[in-house]
PDB file of N, CA and C in Angstrom:
ATOM      1  N   MET A   1       0.823  -1.196   0.000  1.00  0.00           N
ATOM      2  CA  MET A   1       0.000   0.000   0.000  1.00  0.00           C
ATOM      3  C   MET A   1       0.865   1.256   0.000  1.00  0.00           C
ATOM      4  N   LEU A   2       1.956   1.218   0.787  1.00  0.00           N
ATOM      5  CA  LEU A   2       2.824   2.397   0.856  1.00  0.00           C
ATOM      6  C   LEU A   2       3.534   2.666  -0.467  1.00  0.00           C
ATOM      7  N   VAL A   3       3.907   1.620  -1.169  1.00  0.00           N
ATOM      8  CA  VAL A   3       4.571   1.807  -2.463  1.00  0.00           C
ATOM      9  C   VAL A   3       3.628   2.494  -3.441  1.00  0.00           C
ATOM     10  N   LEU A   4       2.383   2.051  -3.467  1.00  0.00           N
ATOM     11  CA  LEU A   4       1.399   2.673  -4.359  1.00  0.00           C
ATOM     12  C   LEU A   4       1.136   4.127  -3.973  1.00  0.00           C
ATOM     13  N   THR A   5       1.033   4.392  -2.689  1.00  0.00           N
ATOM     14  CA  THR A   5       0.777   5.756  -2.226  1.00  0.00           C
ATOM     15  C   THR A   5       1.952   6.676  -2.546  1.00  0.00           C
ATOM     16  N   ALA A   6       3.162   6.214  -2.317  1.00  0.00           N
ATOM     17  CA  ALA A   6       4.342   7.029  -2.608  1.00  0.00           C
ATOM     18  C   ALA A   6       4.460   7.322  -4.102  1.00  0.00           C
ATOM     19  N   THR A   7       4.216   6.311  -4.915  1.00  0.00           N
ATOM     20  CA  THR A   7       4.288   6.499  -6.367  1.00  0.00           C
ATOM     21  C   THR A   7       3.211   7.449  -6.846  1.00  0.00           C
ATOM     22  N   ALA A   8       2.005   7.302  -6.338  1.00  0.00           N
ATOM     23  CA  ALA A   8       0.909   8.194  -6.726  1.00  0.00           C
ATOM     24  C   ALA A   8       1.200   9.629  -6.306  1.00  0.00           C
ATOM     25  N   GLY A   9       1.728   9.822  -5.117  1.00  0.00           N
ATOM     26  CA  GLY A   9       2.066  11.172  -4.666  1.00  0.00           C
ATOM     27  C   GLY A   9       3.091  11.824  -5.564  1.00  0.00           C
ATOM     28  N   ASP A  10       4.086  11.082  -5.971  1.00  0.00           N
ATOM     29  CA  ASP A  10       5.119  11.600  -6.863  1.00  0.00           C
ATOM     30  C   ASP A  10       4.536  11.938  -8.228  1.00  0.00           C
ATOM     31  N   LEU A  11       3.710  11.050  -8.768  1.00  0.00           N
ATOM     32  CA  LEU A  11       3.116  11.294 -10.078  1.00  0.00           C
ATOM     33  C   LEU A  11       2.149  12.475 -10.067  1.00  0.00           C
ATOM     34  N   ILE A  12       1.369  12.602  -9.024  1.00  0.00           N
ATOM     35  CA  ILE A  12       0.424  13.717  -8.926  1.00  0.00           C
ATOM     36  C   ILE A  12       1.170  15.042  -8.831  1.00  0.00           C
ATOM     37  N   GLU A  13       2.234  15.087  -8.025  1.00  0.00           N
ATOM     38  CA  GLU A  13       3.006  16.315  -7.899  1.00  0.00           C
ATOM     39  C   GLU A  13       3.675  16.675  -9.223  1.00  0.00           C
ATOM     40  N   SER A  14       4.159  15.682  -9.953  1.00  0.00           N
ATOM     41  CA  SER A  14       4.759  15.930 -11.263  1.00  0.00           C
ATOM     42  C   SER A  14       3.727  16.463 -12.250  1.00  0.00           C
ATOM     43  N   GLN A  15       2.520  15.945 -12.193  1.00  0.00           N
ATOM     44  CA  GLN A  15       1.454  16.423 -13.074  1.00  0.00           C
ATOM     45  C   GLN A  15       1.090  17.867 -12.757  1.00  0.00           C
ATOM     46  N   VAL A  16       1.032  18.211 -11.486  1.00  0.00           N
ATOM     47  CA  VAL A  16       0.742  19.593 -11.089  1.00  0.00           C
ATOM     48  C   VAL A  16       1.821  20.525 -11.627  1.00  0.00           C
ATOM     49  N   LYS A  17       3.082  20.109 -11.500  1.00  0.00           N
ATOM     50  CA  LYS A  17       4.180  20.933 -12.013  1.00  0.00           C
ATOM     51  C   LYS A  17       4.083  21.096 -13.521  1.00  0.00           C
ATOM     52  N   ARG A  18       3.737  20.028 -14.245  1.00  0.00           N
ATOM     53  CA  ARG A  18       3.577  20.137 -15.697  1.00  0.00           C
ATOM     54  C   ARG A  18       2.440  21.080 -16.057  1.00  0.00           C
ATOM     55  N   ASP A  19       1.328  20.975 -15.353  1.00  0.00           N
ATOM     56  CA  ASP A  19       0.182  21.844 -15.630  1.00  0.00           C
ATOM     57  C   ASP A  19       0.505  23.311 -15.369  1.00  0.00           C
ATOM     58  N   LEU A  20       1.308  23.572 -14.336  1.00  0.00           N
ATOM     59  CA  LEU A  20       1.684  24.948 -14.007  1.00  0.00           C
ATOM     60  C   LEU A  20       2.846  25.449 -14.861  1.00  0.00           C
ATOM     61  N   GLY A  21       3.514  24.550 -15.553  1.00  0.00           N
ATOM     62  CA  GLY A  21       4.626  24.924 -16.414  1.00  0.00           C
ATOM     63  C   GLY A  21       5.873  25.341 -15.658  1.00  0.00           C
ATOM     64  N   ILE A  22       6.090  24.741 -14.497  1.00  0.00           N
ATOM     65  CA  ILE A  22       7.279  25.069 -13.714  1.00  0.00           C
ATOM     66  C   ILE A  22       8.155  23.836 -13.549  1.00  0.00           C
ATOM     67  N   LYS A  23       9.445  24.077 -13.370  1.00  0.00           N
ATOM     68  CA  LYS A  23      10.368  22.959 -13.193  1.00  0.00           C
ATOM     69  C   LYS A  23      10.552  22.619 -11.722  1.00  0.00           C
ATOM     70  N   ASP A  24      10.684  23.624 -10.882  1.00  0.00           N
ATOM     71  CA  ASP A  24      10.925  23.419  -9.461  1.00  0.00           C
ATOM     72  C   ASP A  24       9.823  24.079  -8.645  1.00  0.00           C
ATOM     73  N   MET A  25       9.428  23.425  -7.546  1.00  0.00           N
ATOM     74  CA  MET A  25       8.383  23.978  -6.674  1.00  0.00           C
ATOM     75  C   MET A  25       8.942  24.989  -5.678  1.00  0.00           C
ATOM     76  N   GLY A  26      10.253  25.111  -5.597  1.00  0.00           N
ATOM     77  CA  GLY A  26      10.845  26.056  -4.658  1.00  0.00           C
ATOM     78  C   GLY A  26      12.329  26.191  -4.877  1.00  0.00           C
ATOM     79  N   THR A  27      12.948  27.092  -4.115  1.00  0.00           N
ATOM     80  CA  THR A  27      14.377  27.338  -4.279  1.00  0.00           C
ATOM     81  C   THR A  27      15.176  27.020  -3.017  1.00  0.00           C
ATOM     82  N   LEU A  28      14.527  26.492  -2.000  1.00  0.00           N
ATOM     83  CA  LEU A  28      15.226  26.201  -0.752  1.00  0.00           C
ATOM     84  C   LEU A  28      16.299  25.121  -0.929  1.00  0.00           C
ATOM     85  N   LEU A  29      16.033  24.149  -1.783  1.00  0.00           N
ATOM     86  CA  LEU A  29      17.016  23.097  -2.090  1.00  0.00           C
ATOM     87  C   LEU A  29      17.389  23.204  -3.571  1.00  0.00           C
ATOM     88  N   PRO A  30      18.312  24.088  -3.921  1.00  0.00           N
ATOM     89  CA  PRO A  30      18.666  24.265  -5.330  1.00  0.00           C
ATOM     90  C   PRO A  30      19.157  22.959  -5.961  1.00  0.00           C
ATOM     91  N   GLY A  31      18.702  22.692  -7.167  1.00  0.00           N
ATOM     92  CA  GLY A  31      19.102  21.481  -7.871  1.00  0.00           C
ATOM     93  C   GLY A  31      18.316  20.246  -7.491  1.00  0.00           C
ATOM     94  N   HIS A  32      17.425  20.367  -6.529  1.00  0.00           N
ATOM     95  CA  HIS A  32      16.635  19.217  -6.082  1.00  0.00           C
ATOM     96  C   HIS A  32      15.146  19.400  -6.344  1.00  0.00           C
ATOM     97  N   GLY A  33      14.754  20.498  -6.944  1.00  0.00           N
ATOM     98  CA  GLY A  33      13.351  20.708  -7.264  1.00  0.00           C
ATOM     99  C   GLY A  33      12.545  21.317  -6.146  1.00  0.00           C
ATOM    100  N   GLY A  34      13.158  21.656  -5.073  1.00  0.00           N
ATOM    101  CA  GLY A  34      12.436  22.276  -3.967  1.00  0.00           C
ATOM    102  C   GLY A  34      11.992  21.267  -2.926  1.00  0.00           C
ATOM    103  N   ILE A  35      11.401  21.782  -1.879  1.00  0.00           N
ATOM    104  CA  ILE A  35      10.953  20.955  -0.755  1.00  0.00           C
ATOM    105  C   ILE A  35       9.865  19.973  -1.195  1.00  0.00           C
ATOM    106  N   MET A  36       8.934  20.402  -2.030  1.00  0.00           N
ATOM    107  CA  MET A  36       7.836  19.518  -2.428  1.00  0.00           C
ATOM    108  C   MET A  36       8.327  18.286  -3.179  1.00  0.00           C
ATOM    109  N   ASP A  37       9.426  18.405  -3.915  1.00  0.00           N
ATOM    110  CA  ASP A  37       9.967  17.221  -4.585  1.00  0.00           C
ATOM    111  C   ASP A  37      10.526  16.223  -3.587  1.00  0.00           C
ATOM    112  N   ARG A  38      10.855  16.661  -2.399  1.00  0.00           N
ATOM    113  CA  ARG A  38      11.334  15.759  -1.344  1.00  0.00           C
ATOM    114  C   ARG A  38      10.167  15.177  -0.550  1.00  0.00           C
ATOM    115  N   LEU A  39       9.066  15.909  -0.465  1.00  0.00           N
ATOM    116  CA  LEU A  39       7.943  15.486   0.376  1.00  0.00           C
ATOM    117  C   LEU A  39       6.775  14.889  -0.401  1.00  0.00           C
ATOM    118  N   ASP A  40       6.822  14.923  -1.732  1.00  0.00           N
ATOM    119  CA  ASP A  40       5.663  14.514  -2.524  1.00  0.00           C
ATOM    120  C   ASP A  40       5.259  13.056  -2.319  1.00  0.00           C
ATOM    121  N   SER A  41       6.170  12.199  -1.959  1.00  0.00           N
ATOM    122  CA  SER A  41       5.788  10.814  -1.696  1.00  0.00           C
ATOM    123  C   SER A  41       5.727  10.513  -0.199  1.00  0.00           C
ATOM    124  N   ILE A  42       6.435  11.300   0.601  1.00  0.00           N
ATOM    125  CA  ILE A  42       6.458  11.058   2.047  1.00  0.00           C
ATOM    126  C   ILE A  42       5.135  11.451   2.700  1.00  0.00           C
ATOM    127  N   LEU A  43       4.576  12.582   2.317  1.00  0.00           N
ATOM    128  CA  LEU A  43       3.350  13.062   2.974  1.00  0.00           C
ATOM    129  C   LEU A  43       2.156  12.125   2.776  1.00  0.00           C
ATOM    130  N   PRO A  44       1.836  11.699   1.552  1.00  0.00           N
ATOM    131  CA  PRO A  44       0.728  10.748   1.416  1.00  0.00           C
ATOM    132  C   PRO A  44       1.012   9.417   2.108  1.00  0.00           C
ATOM    133  N   SER A  45       2.260   8.968   2.073  1.00  0.00           N
ATOM    134  CA  SER A  45       2.612   7.709   2.723  1.00  0.00           C
ATOM    135  C   SER A  45       2.477   7.806   4.235  1.00  0.00           C
ATOM    136  N   ALA A  46       2.831   8.953   4.802  1.00  0.00           N
ATOM    137  CA  ALA A  46       2.676   9.143   6.242  1.00  0.00           C
ATOM    138  C   ALA A  46       1.209   9.072   6.641  1.00  0.00           C
ATOM    139  N   PHE A  47       0.344   9.668   5.837  1.00  0.00           N
ATOM    140  CA  PHE A  47      -1.088   9.618   6.136  1.00  0.00           C
ATOM    141  C   PHE A  47      -1.615   8.185   6.066  1.00  0.00           C
ATOM    142  N   VAL A  48      -1.223   7.447   5.037  1.00  0.00           N
ATOM    143  CA  VAL A  48      -1.684   6.063   4.893  1.00  0.00           C
ATOM    144  C   VAL A  48      -1.138   5.201   6.034  1.00  0.00           C
ATOM    145  N   THR A  49       0.100   5.424   6.430  1.00  0.00           N
ATOM    146  CA  THR A  49       0.666   4.689   7.555  1.00  0.00           C
ATOM    147  C   THR A  49      -0.121   4.957   8.822  1.00  0.00           C
ATOM    148  N   TRP A  50      -0.410   6.225   9.087  1.00  0.00           N
ATOM    149  CA  TRP A  50      -1.210   6.590  10.259  1.00  0.00           C
ATOM    150  C   TRP A  50      -2.594   5.917  10.194  1.00  0.00           C
ATOM    151  N   LEU A  51      -3.227   5.940   9.022  1.00  0.00           N
ATOM    152  CA  LEU A  51      -4.554   5.357   8.862  1.00  0.00           C
ATOM    153  C   LEU A  51      -4.530   3.857   9.127  1.00  0.00           C
ATOM    154  N   ILE A  52      -3.559   3.163   8.556  1.00  0.00           N
ATOM    155  CA  ILE A  52      -3.449   1.712   8.745  1.00  0.00           C
ATOM    156  C   ILE A  52      -3.180   1.379  10.212  1.00  0.00           C
ATOM    157  N   LEU A  53      -2.278   2.118  10.845  1.00  0.00           N
ATOM    158  CA  LEU A  53      -1.986   1.858  12.257  1.00  0.00           C
ATOM    159  C   LEU A  53      -3.178   2.162  13.148  1.00  0.00           C
ATOM    160  N   THR A  54      -3.948   3.193  12.805  1.00  0.00           N
ATOM    161  CA  THR A  54      -5.142   3.528  13.573  1.00  0.00           C
ATOM    162  C   THR A  54      -6.193   2.426  13.466  1.00  0.00           C
ATOM    163  N   ILE A  55      -6.335   1.868  12.288  1.00  0.00           N
ATOM    164  CA  ILE A  55      -7.359   0.844  12.055  1.00  0.00           C
ATOM    165  C   ILE A  55      -6.970  -0.489  12.723  1.00  0.00           C
ATOM    166  N   PHE A  56      -5.718  -0.890  12.588  1.00  0.00           N
ATOM    167  CA  PHE A  56      -5.322  -2.225  13.008  1.00  0.00           C
ATOM    168  C   PHE A  56      -4.664  -2.310  14.380  1.00  0.00           C
ATOM    169  N   VAL A  57      -4.311  -1.206  14.978  1.00  0.00           N
ATOM    170  CA  VAL A  57      -3.646  -1.273  16.287  1.00  0.00           C
ATOM    171  C   VAL A  57      -4.555  -0.705  17.351  1.00  0.00           C
TER     172      VAL A  57
END
């Protein structure tokens, strides 16, 4: 489940960037695409992890 969520988060963020016509979401991490390129798969995965742990634990 986490692999699918991380991949979807990355693909969705890439699609948003394409639609907006921008290469980087920020300048805080030059050469890395910004903070959102680092968090685009972590944030949805963290939510799914929390949800799964809440349901089963």
